[in-house]
PDB file of N, CA and C in Angstrom:
ATOM      1  N   MET A   1      46.176  77.689 109.508  1.00  0.00           N
ATOM      2  CA  MET A   1      47.372  78.033 108.775  1.00  0.00           C
ATOM      3  C   MET A   1      47.536  77.048 107.609  1.00  0.00           C
ATOM      4  N   THR A   2      47.794  77.562 106.417  1.00  0.00           N
ATOM      5  CA  THR A   2      47.953  76.695 105.256  1.00  0.00           C
ATOM      6  C   THR A   2      49.273  75.941 105.313  1.00  0.00           C
ATOM      7  N   LEU A   3      49.357  74.890 104.536  1.00  0.00           N
ATOM      8  CA  LEU A   3      50.588  74.097 104.491  1.00  0.00           C
ATOM      9  C   LEU A   3      51.747  74.956 103.985  1.00  0.00           C
ATOM     10  N   GLN A   4      51.499  75.795 102.996  1.00  0.00           N
ATOM     11  CA  GLN A   4      52.549  76.672 102.469  1.00  0.00           C
ATOM     12  C   GLN A   4      53.072  77.605 103.566  1.00  0.00           C
ATOM     13  N   THR A   5      52.168  78.154 104.364  1.00  0.00           N
ATOM     14  CA  THR A   5      52.562  79.037 105.457  1.00  0.00           C
ATOM     15  C   THR A   5      53.353  78.274 106.509  1.00  0.00           C
ATOM     16  N   GLN A   6      52.914  77.061 106.838  1.00  0.00           N
ATOM     17  CA  GLN A   6      53.638  76.226 107.799  1.00  0.00           C
ATOM     18  C   GLN A   6      55.033  75.903 107.278  1.00  0.00           C
ATOM     19  N   PHE A   7      55.134  75.621 105.971  1.00  0.00           N
ATOM     20  CA  PHE A   7      56.413  75.305 105.348  1.00  0.00           C
ATOM     21  C   PHE A   7      57.350  76.507 105.430  1.00  0.00           C
ATOM     22  N   GLU A   8      56.845  77.681 105.119  1.00  0.00           N
ATOM     23  CA  GLU A   8      57.660  78.891 105.184  1.00  0.00           C
ATOM     24  C   GLU A   8      58.111  79.173 106.621  1.00  0.00           C
ATOM     25  N   GLN A   9      57.233  78.913 107.587  1.00  0.00           N
ATOM     26  CA  GLN A   9      57.601  79.097 108.988  1.00  0.00           C
ATOM     27  C   GLN A   9      58.666  78.085 109.399  1.00  0.00           C
ATOM     28  N   ALA A  10      58.533  76.841 108.925  1.00  0.00           N
ATOM     29  CA  ALA A  10      59.532  75.812 109.236  1.00  0.00           C
ATOM     30  C   ALA A  10      60.889  76.175 108.633  1.00  0.00           C
ATOM     31  N   LEU A  11      60.884  76.766 107.435  1.00  0.00           N
ATOM     32  CA  LEU A  11      62.142  77.220 106.831  1.00  0.00           C
ATOM     33  C   LEU A  11      62.816  78.258 107.718  1.00  0.00           C
ATOM     34  N   ALA A  12      62.034  79.211 108.202  1.00  0.00           N
ATOM     35  CA  ALA A  12      62.580  80.240 109.092  1.00  0.00           C
ATOM     36  C   ALA A  12      63.057  79.618 110.397  1.00  0.00           C
ATOM     37  N   ASP A  13      62.269  78.707 110.960  1.00  0.00           N
ATOM     38  CA  ASP A  13      62.628  78.057 112.221  1.00  0.00           C
ATOM     39  C   ASP A  13      63.901  77.221 112.084  1.00  0.00           C
ATOM     40  N   SER A  14      64.111  76.625 110.905  1.00  0.00           N
ATOM     41  CA  SER A  14      65.278  75.761 110.711  1.00  0.00           C
ATOM     42  C   SER A  14      66.586  76.540 110.831  1.00  0.00           C
ATOM     43  N   LYS A  15      66.534  77.820 110.608  1.00  0.00           N
ATOM     44  CA  LYS A  15      67.734  78.654 110.705  1.00  0.00           C
ATOM     45  C   LYS A  15      68.049  79.054 112.149  1.00  0.00           C
ATOM     46  N   ASN A  16      67.106  78.789 113.063  1.00  0.00           N
ATOM     47  CA  ASN A  16      67.269  79.202 114.453  1.00  0.00           C
ATOM     48  C   ASN A  16      67.170  78.040 115.436  1.00  0.00           C
ATOM     49  N   LEU A  17      67.574  76.858 115.022  1.00  0.00           N
ATOM     50  CA  LEU A  17      67.535  75.698 115.910  1.00  0.00           C
ATOM     51  C   LEU A  17      68.593  75.842 116.990  1.00  0.00           C
ATOM     52  N   ASP A  18      68.304  75.320 118.177  1.00  0.00           N
ATOM     53  CA  ASP A  18      69.247  75.394 119.292  1.00  0.00           C
ATOM     54  C   ASP A  18      70.534  74.637 118.985  1.00  0.00           C
ATOM     55  N   ASP A  19      70.400  73.452 118.425  1.00  0.00           N
ATOM     56  CA  ASP A  19      71.554  72.618 118.102  1.00  0.00           C
ATOM     57  C   ASP A  19      71.600  72.378 116.598  1.00  0.00           C
ATOM     58  N   ARG A  20      72.808  72.337 116.052  1.00  0.00           N
ATOM     59  CA  ARG A  20      72.967  72.043 114.628  1.00  0.00           C
ATOM     60  C   ARG A  20      72.676  70.558 114.410  1.00  0.00           C
ATOM     61  N   PRO A  21      71.768  70.249 113.469  1.00  0.00           N
ATOM     62  CA  PRO A  21      71.481  68.839 113.184  1.00  0.00           C
ATOM     63  C   PRO A  21      72.709  68.127 112.610  1.00  0.00           C
ATOM     64  N   ASP A  22      72.727  66.807 112.749  1.00  0.00           N
ATOM     65  CA  ASP A  22      73.826  66.036 112.169  1.00  0.00           C
ATOM     66  C   ASP A  22      73.730  66.077 110.644  1.00  0.00           C
ATOM     67  N   ASN A  23      74.778  65.638 109.978  1.00  0.00           N
ATOM     68  CA  ASN A  23      74.853  65.737 108.522  1.00  0.00           C
ATOM     69  C   ASN A  23      73.747  64.963 107.809  1.00  0.00           C
ATOM     70  N   MET A  24      73.383  63.808 108.322  1.00  0.00           N
ATOM     71  CA  MET A  24      72.321  63.018 107.679  1.00  0.00           C
ATOM     72  C   MET A  24      70.980  63.755 107.775  1.00  0.00           C
ATOM     73  N   THR A  25      70.724  64.386 108.899  1.00  0.00           N
ATOM     74  CA  THR A  25      69.486  65.155 109.059  1.00  0.00           C
ATOM     75  C   THR A  25      69.504  66.373 108.145  1.00  0.00           C
ATOM     76  N   LEU A  26      70.658  67.020 108.041  1.00  0.00           N
ATOM     77  CA  LEU A  26      70.770  68.163 107.133  1.00  0.00           C
ATOM     78  C   LEU A  26      70.523  67.748 105.688  1.00  0.00           C
ATOM     79  N   LEU A  27      71.034  66.585 105.295  1.00  0.00           N
ATOM     80  CA  LEU A  27      70.773  66.075 103.949  1.00  0.00           C
ATOM     81  C   LEU A  27      69.287  65.812 103.734  1.00  0.00           C
ATOM     82  N   LYS A  28      68.646  65.244 104.736  1.00  0.00           N
ATOM     83  CA  LYS A  28      67.214  64.969 104.640  1.00  0.00           C
ATOM     84  C   LYS A  28      66.435  66.280 104.516  1.00  0.00           C
ATOM     85  N   MET A  29      66.821  67.273 105.305  1.00  0.00           N
ATOM     86  CA  MET A  29      66.162  68.579 105.227  1.00  0.00           C
ATOM     87  C   MET A  29      66.347  69.190 103.839  1.00  0.00           C
ATOM     88  N   TYR A  30      67.564  69.102 103.319  1.00  0.00           N
ATOM     89  CA  TYR A  30      67.850  69.632 101.991  1.00  0.00           C
ATOM     90  C   TYR A  30      66.982  68.951 100.944  1.00  0.00           C
ATOM     91  N   ALA A  31      66.960  67.619 100.985  1.00  0.00           N
ATOM     92  CA  ALA A  31      66.208  66.861  99.989  1.00  0.00           C
ATOM     93  C   ALA A  31      64.709  67.167 100.071  1.00  0.00           C
ATOM     94  N   LEU A  32      64.172  67.225 101.274  1.00  0.00           N
ATOM     95  CA  LEU A  32      62.748  67.545 101.434  1.00  0.00           C
ATOM     96  C   LEU A  32      62.450  68.958 100.936  1.00  0.00           C
ATOM     97  N   TYR A  33      63.345  69.906 101.229  1.00  0.00           N
ATOM     98  CA  TYR A  33      63.165  71.273 100.755  1.00  0.00           C
ATOM     99  C   TYR A  33      63.152  71.313  99.225  1.00  0.00           C
ATOM    100  N   LYS A  34      64.118  70.655  98.604  1.00  0.00           N
ATOM    101  CA  LYS A  34      64.207  70.662  97.144  1.00  0.00           C
ATOM    102  C   LYS A  34      62.993  69.970  96.519  1.00  0.00           C
ATOM    103  N   GLN A  35      62.560  68.851  97.092  1.00  0.00           N
ATOM    104  CA  GLN A  35      61.398  68.131  96.566  1.00  0.00           C
ATOM    105  C   GLN A  35      60.147  68.987  96.713  1.00  0.00           C
ATOM    106  N   ALA A  36      60.003  69.660  97.856  1.00  0.00           N
ATOM    107  CA  ALA A  36      58.837  70.507  98.097  1.00  0.00           C
ATOM    108  C   ALA A  36      58.845  71.728  97.191  1.00  0.00           C
ATOM    109  N   SER A  37      60.008  72.266  96.917  1.00  0.00           N
ATOM    110  CA  SER A  37      60.120  73.492  96.127  1.00  0.00           C
ATOM    111  C   SER A  37      60.141  73.252  94.622  1.00  0.00           C
ATOM    112  N   ASN A  38      60.833  72.188  94.204  1.00  0.00           N
ATOM    113  CA  ASN A  38      61.078  71.977  92.773  1.00  0.00           C
ATOM    114  C   ASN A  38      60.486  70.695  92.207  1.00  0.00           C
ATOM    115  N   GLY A  39      60.040  69.789  93.045  1.00  0.00           N
ATOM    116  CA  GLY A  39      59.577  68.494  92.548  1.00  0.00           C
ATOM    117  C   GLY A  39      60.766  67.555  92.365  1.00  0.00           C
ATOM    118  N   ASP A  40      60.596  66.571  91.494  1.00  0.00           N
ATOM    119  CA  ASP A  40      61.626  65.550  91.292  1.00  0.00           C
ATOM    120  C   ASP A  40      62.936  66.157  90.796  1.00  0.00           C
ATOM    121  N   VAL A  41      64.029  65.502  91.189  1.00  0.00           N
ATOM    122  CA  VAL A  41      65.370  65.934  90.793  1.00  0.00           C
ATOM    123  C   VAL A  41      65.491  65.902  89.266  1.00  0.00           C
ATOM    124  N   ASP A  42      66.242  66.871  88.758  1.00  0.00           N
ATOM    125  CA  ASP A  42      66.536  66.874  87.332  1.00  0.00           C
ATOM    126  C   ASP A  42      68.019  67.161  87.157  1.00  0.00           C
ATOM    127  N   GLY A  43      68.508  66.950  85.984  1.00  0.00           N
ATOM    128  CA  GLY A  43      69.924  67.170  85.732  1.00  0.00           C
ATOM    129  C   GLY A  43      70.737  65.924  86.027  1.00  0.00           C
ATOM    130  N   ALA A  44      71.974  65.994  85.618  1.00  0.00           N
ATOM    131  CA  ALA A  44      72.870  64.858  85.780  1.00  0.00           C
ATOM    132  C   ALA A  44      73.417  64.791  87.208  1.00  0.00           C
ATOM    133  N   ARG A  45      73.699  63.585  87.622  1.00  0.00           N
ATOM    134  CA  ARG A  45      74.311  63.362  88.937  1.00  0.00           C
ATOM    135  C   ARG A  45      75.733  63.915  88.911  1.00  0.00           C
ATOM    136  N   PRO A  46      76.123  64.684  89.926  1.00  0.00           N
ATOM    137  CA  PRO A  46      77.486  65.217  89.962  1.00  0.00           C
ATOM    138  C   PRO A  46      78.527  64.099  89.944  1.00  0.00           C
ATOM    139  N   GLY A  47      79.695  64.433  89.450  1.00  0.00           N
ATOM    140  CA  GLY A  47      80.780  63.467  89.356  1.00  0.00           C
ATOM    141  C   GLY A  47      81.317  63.046  90.709  1.00  0.00           C
ATOM    142  N   PHE A  48      82.124  61.998  90.704  1.00  0.00           N
ATOM    143  CA  PHE A  48      82.625  61.433  91.966  1.00  0.00           C
ATOM    144  C   PHE A  48      83.567  62.374  92.713  1.00  0.00           C
ATOM    145  N   THR A  49      84.075  63.401  92.071  1.00  0.00           N
ATOM    146  CA  THR A  49      84.950  64.340  92.763  1.00  0.00           C
ATOM    147  C   THR A  49      84.168  65.388  93.555  1.00  0.00           C
ATOM    148  N   ASP A  50      82.883  65.527  93.263  1.00  0.00           N
ATOM    149  CA  ASP A  50      82.021  66.477  93.979  1.00  0.00           C
ATOM    150  C   ASP A  50      81.218  65.700  95.018  1.00  0.00           C
ATOM    151  N   LEU A  51      81.866  65.386  96.135  1.00  0.00           N
ATOM    152  CA  LEU A  51      81.243  64.518  97.139  1.00  0.00           C
ATOM    153  C   LEU A  51      79.998  65.149  97.758  1.00  0.00           C
ATOM    154  N   VAL A  52      80.048  66.433  98.075  1.00  0.00           N
ATOM    155  CA  VAL A  52      78.904  67.099  98.696  1.00  0.00           C
ATOM    156  C   VAL A  52      77.747  67.191  97.712  1.00  0.00           C
ATOM    157  N   GLY A  53      78.034  67.636  96.494  1.00  0.00           N
ATOM    158  CA  GLY A  53      76.992  67.738  95.472  1.00  0.00           C
ATOM    159  C   GLY A  53      76.353  66.394  95.169  1.00  0.00           C
ATOM    160  N   ARG A  54      77.171  65.372  95.140  1.00  0.00           N
ATOM    161  CA  ARG A  54      76.680  64.019  94.863  1.00  0.00           C
ATOM    162  C   ARG A  54      75.778  63.526  96.007  1.00  0.00           C
ATOM    163  N   ALA A  55      76.175  63.793  97.249  1.00  0.00           N
ATOM    164  CA  ALA A  55      75.366  63.370  98.399  1.00  0.00           C
ATOM    165  C   ALA A  55      74.019  64.097  98.385  1.00  0.00           C
ATOM    166  N   LYS A  56      74.043  65.395  98.087  1.00  0.00           N
ATOM    167  CA  LYS A  56      72.796  66.157  98.019  1.00  0.00           C
ATOM    168  C   LYS A  56      71.898  65.633  96.901  1.00  0.00           C
ATOM    169  N   TRP A  57      72.480  65.393  95.726  1.00  0.00           N
ATOM    170  CA  TRP A  57      71.711  64.896  94.583  1.00  0.00           C
ATOM    171  C   TRP A  57      71.102  63.535  94.914  1.00  0.00           C
ATOM    172  N   ASP A  58      71.885  62.653  95.518  1.00  0.00           N
ATOM    173  CA  ASP A  58      71.392  61.316  95.874  1.00  0.00           C
ATOM    174  C   ASP A  58      70.253  61.398  96.887  1.00  0.00           C
ATOM    175  N   ALA A  59      70.377  62.288  97.868  1.00  0.00           N
ATOM    176  CA  ALA A  59      69.326  62.437  98.883  1.00  0.00           C
ATOM    177  C   ALA A  59      68.032  62.935  98.233  1.00  0.00           C
ATOM    178  N   TRP A  60      68.158  63.894  97.330  1.00  0.00           N
ATOM    179  CA  TRP A  60      66.986  64.426  96.636  1.00  0.00           C
ATOM    180  C   TRP A  60      66.398  63.368  95.708  1.00  0.00           C
ATOM    181  N   ASP A  61      67.253  62.648  94.990  1.00  0.00           N
ATOM    182  CA  ASP A  61      66.788  61.616  94.060  1.00  0.00           C
ATOM    183  C   ASP A  61      66.035  60.508  94.786  1.00  0.00           C
ATOM    184  N   ALA A  62      66.386  60.243  96.039  1.00  0.00           N
ATOM    185  CA  ALA A  62      65.716  59.203  96.823  1.00  0.00           C
ATOM    186  C   ALA A  62      64.244  59.551  97.083  1.00  0.00           C
ATOM    187  N   LEU A  63      63.896  60.821  96.936  1.00  0.00           N
ATOM    188  CA  LEU A  63      62.507  61.254  97.168  1.00  0.00           C
ATOM    189  C   LEU A  63      61.696  61.340  95.878  1.00  0.00           C
ATOM    190  N   LYS A  64      62.265  60.885  94.783  1.00  0.00           N
ATOM    191  CA  LYS A  64      61.585  60.955  93.489  1.00  0.00           C
ATOM    192  C   LYS A  64      60.200  60.320  93.583  1.00  0.00           C
ATOM    193  N   GLY A  65      59.205  61.042  93.077  1.00  0.00           N
ATOM    194  CA  GLY A  65      57.840  60.537  93.062  1.00  0.00           C
ATOM    195  C   GLY A  65      56.991  60.999  94.238  1.00  0.00           C
ATOM    196  N   ILE A  66      57.610  61.564  95.264  1.00  0.00           N
ATOM    197  CA  ILE A  66      56.856  62.080  96.409  1.00  0.00           C
ATOM    198  C   ILE A  66      56.242  63.422  96.015  1.00  0.00           C
ATOM    199  N   ALA A  67      54.974  63.594  96.291  1.00  0.00           N
ATOM    200  CA  ALA A  67      54.283  64.843  95.964  1.00  0.00           C
ATOM    201  C   ALA A  67      54.907  66.007  96.727  1.00  0.00           C
ATOM    202  N   GLN A  68      54.884  67.180  96.117  1.00  0.00           N
ATOM    203  CA  GLN A  68      55.475  68.350  96.751  1.00  0.00           C
ATOM    204  C   GLN A  68      54.791  68.661  98.080  1.00  0.00           C
ATOM    205  N   GLU A  69      53.488  68.481  98.159  1.00  0.00           N
ATOM    206  CA  GLU A  69      52.767  68.737  99.408  1.00  0.00           C
ATOM    207  C   GLU A  69      53.205  67.771 100.504  1.00  0.00           C
ATOM    208  N   GLN A  70      53.423  66.521 100.122  1.00  0.00           N
ATOM    209  CA  GLN A  70      53.877  65.520 101.097  1.00  0.00           C
ATOM    210  C   GLN A  70      55.281  65.868 101.595  1.00  0.00           C
ATOM    211  N   ALA A  71      56.143  66.324 100.696  1.00  0.00           N
ATOM    212  CA  ALA A  71      57.493  66.726 101.096  1.00  0.00           C
ATOM    213  C   ALA A  71      57.432  67.936 102.031  1.00  0.00           C
ATOM    214  N   MET A  72      56.533  68.873 101.754  1.00  0.00           N
ATOM    215  CA  MET A  72      56.360  70.028 102.642  1.00  0.00           C
ATOM    216  C   MET A  72      55.957  69.568 104.031  1.00  0.00           C
ATOM    217  N   ARG A  73      54.982  68.674 104.103  1.00  0.00           N
ATOM    218  CA  ARG A  73      54.491  68.173 105.392  1.00  0.00           C
ATOM    219  C   ARG A  73      55.626  67.491 106.146  1.00  0.00           C
ATOM    220  N   GLN A  74      56.416  66.660 105.461  1.00  0.00           N
ATOM    221  CA  GLN A  74      57.523  65.965 106.120  1.00  0.00           C
ATOM    222  C   GLN A  74      58.574  66.954 106.626  1.00  0.00           C
ATOM    223  N   TYR A  75      58.821  68.011 105.850  1.00  0.00           N
ATOM    224  CA  TYR A  75      59.786  69.031 106.266  1.00  0.00           C
ATOM    225  C   TYR A  75      59.285  69.743 107.518  1.00  0.00           C
ATOM    226  N   VAL A  76      58.017  70.130 107.511  1.00  0.00           N
ATOM    227  CA  VAL A  76      57.417  70.814 108.665  1.00  0.00           C
ATOM    228  C   VAL A  76      57.516  69.917 109.902  1.00  0.00           C
ATOM    229  N   ASP A  77      57.184  68.646 109.741  1.00  0.00           N
ATOM    230  CA  ASP A  77      57.232  67.712 110.867  1.00  0.00           C
ATOM    231  C   ASP A  77      58.657  67.507 111.372  1.00  0.00           C
ATOM    232  N   LEU A  78      59.624  67.407 110.459  1.00  0.00           N
ATOM    233  CA  LEU A  78      61.020  67.207 110.843  1.00  0.00           C
ATOM    234  C   LEU A  78      61.547  68.411 111.640  1.00  0.00           C
ATOM    235  N   VAL A  79      61.252  69.614 111.168  1.00  0.00           N
ATOM    236  CA  VAL A  79      61.710  70.803 111.877  1.00  0.00           C
ATOM    237  C   VAL A  79      61.040  70.895 113.241  1.00  0.00           C
ATOM    238  N   ALA A  80      59.757  70.550 113.317  1.00  0.00           N
ATOM    239  CA  ALA A  80      59.048  70.559 114.602  1.00  0.00           C
ATOM    240  C   ALA A  80      59.718  69.589 115.570  1.00  0.00           C
ATOM    241  N   ASP A  81      60.103  68.403 115.092  1.00  0.00           N
ATOM    242  CA  ASP A  81      60.801  67.429 115.936  1.00  0.00           C
ATOM    243  C   ASP A  81      62.141  67.978 116.400  1.00  0.00           C
ATOM    244  N   LEU A  82      62.874  68.623 115.498  1.00  0.00           N
ATOM    245  CA  LEU A  82      64.177  69.189 115.861  1.00  0.00           C
ATOM    246  C   LEU A  82      64.030  70.307 116.876  1.00  0.00           C
ATOM    247  N   LYS A  83      62.982  71.116 116.752  1.00  0.00           N
ATOM    248  CA  LYS A  83      62.745  72.202 117.709  1.00  0.00           C
ATOM    249  C   LYS A  83      62.432  71.669 119.082  1.00  0.00           C
ATOM    250  N   SER A  84      61.705  70.550 119.124  1.00  0.00           N
ATOM    251  CA  SER A  84      61.315  69.985 120.415  1.00  0.00           C
ATOM    252  C   SER A  84      62.405  69.106 121.023  1.00  0.00           C
ATOM    253  N   GLY A  85      63.471  68.875 120.262  1.00  0.00           N
ATOM    254  CA  GLY A  85      64.589  68.100 120.785  1.00  0.00           C
ATOM    255  C   GLY A  85      64.446  66.605 120.648  1.00  0.00           C
ATOM    256  N   ILE A  86      63.549  66.149 119.782  1.00  0.00           N
ATOM    257  CA  ILE A  86      63.351  64.706 119.601  1.00  0.00           C
ATOM    258  C   ILE A  86      64.466  64.142 118.748  1.00  0.00           C
TER     259      ILE A  86
END
């Protein structure tokens, strides 16, 4: 199975997890997804009144420079851990 196929399967699996991940894990999943799909963050950082947007932007920005394939692998591994209950 190719990495792209594994990534797409992990995306589908993430929607059917037994337990909802905590907010920090959800942010990590979001950032890895965005890095894998779009590469490095672009655009301006949201203002201080947009707390959710700012947290998402910061999480994605923290992955700047990570290759899209590496972000895909990390996303696949994270979802696999969540499925197994680790």
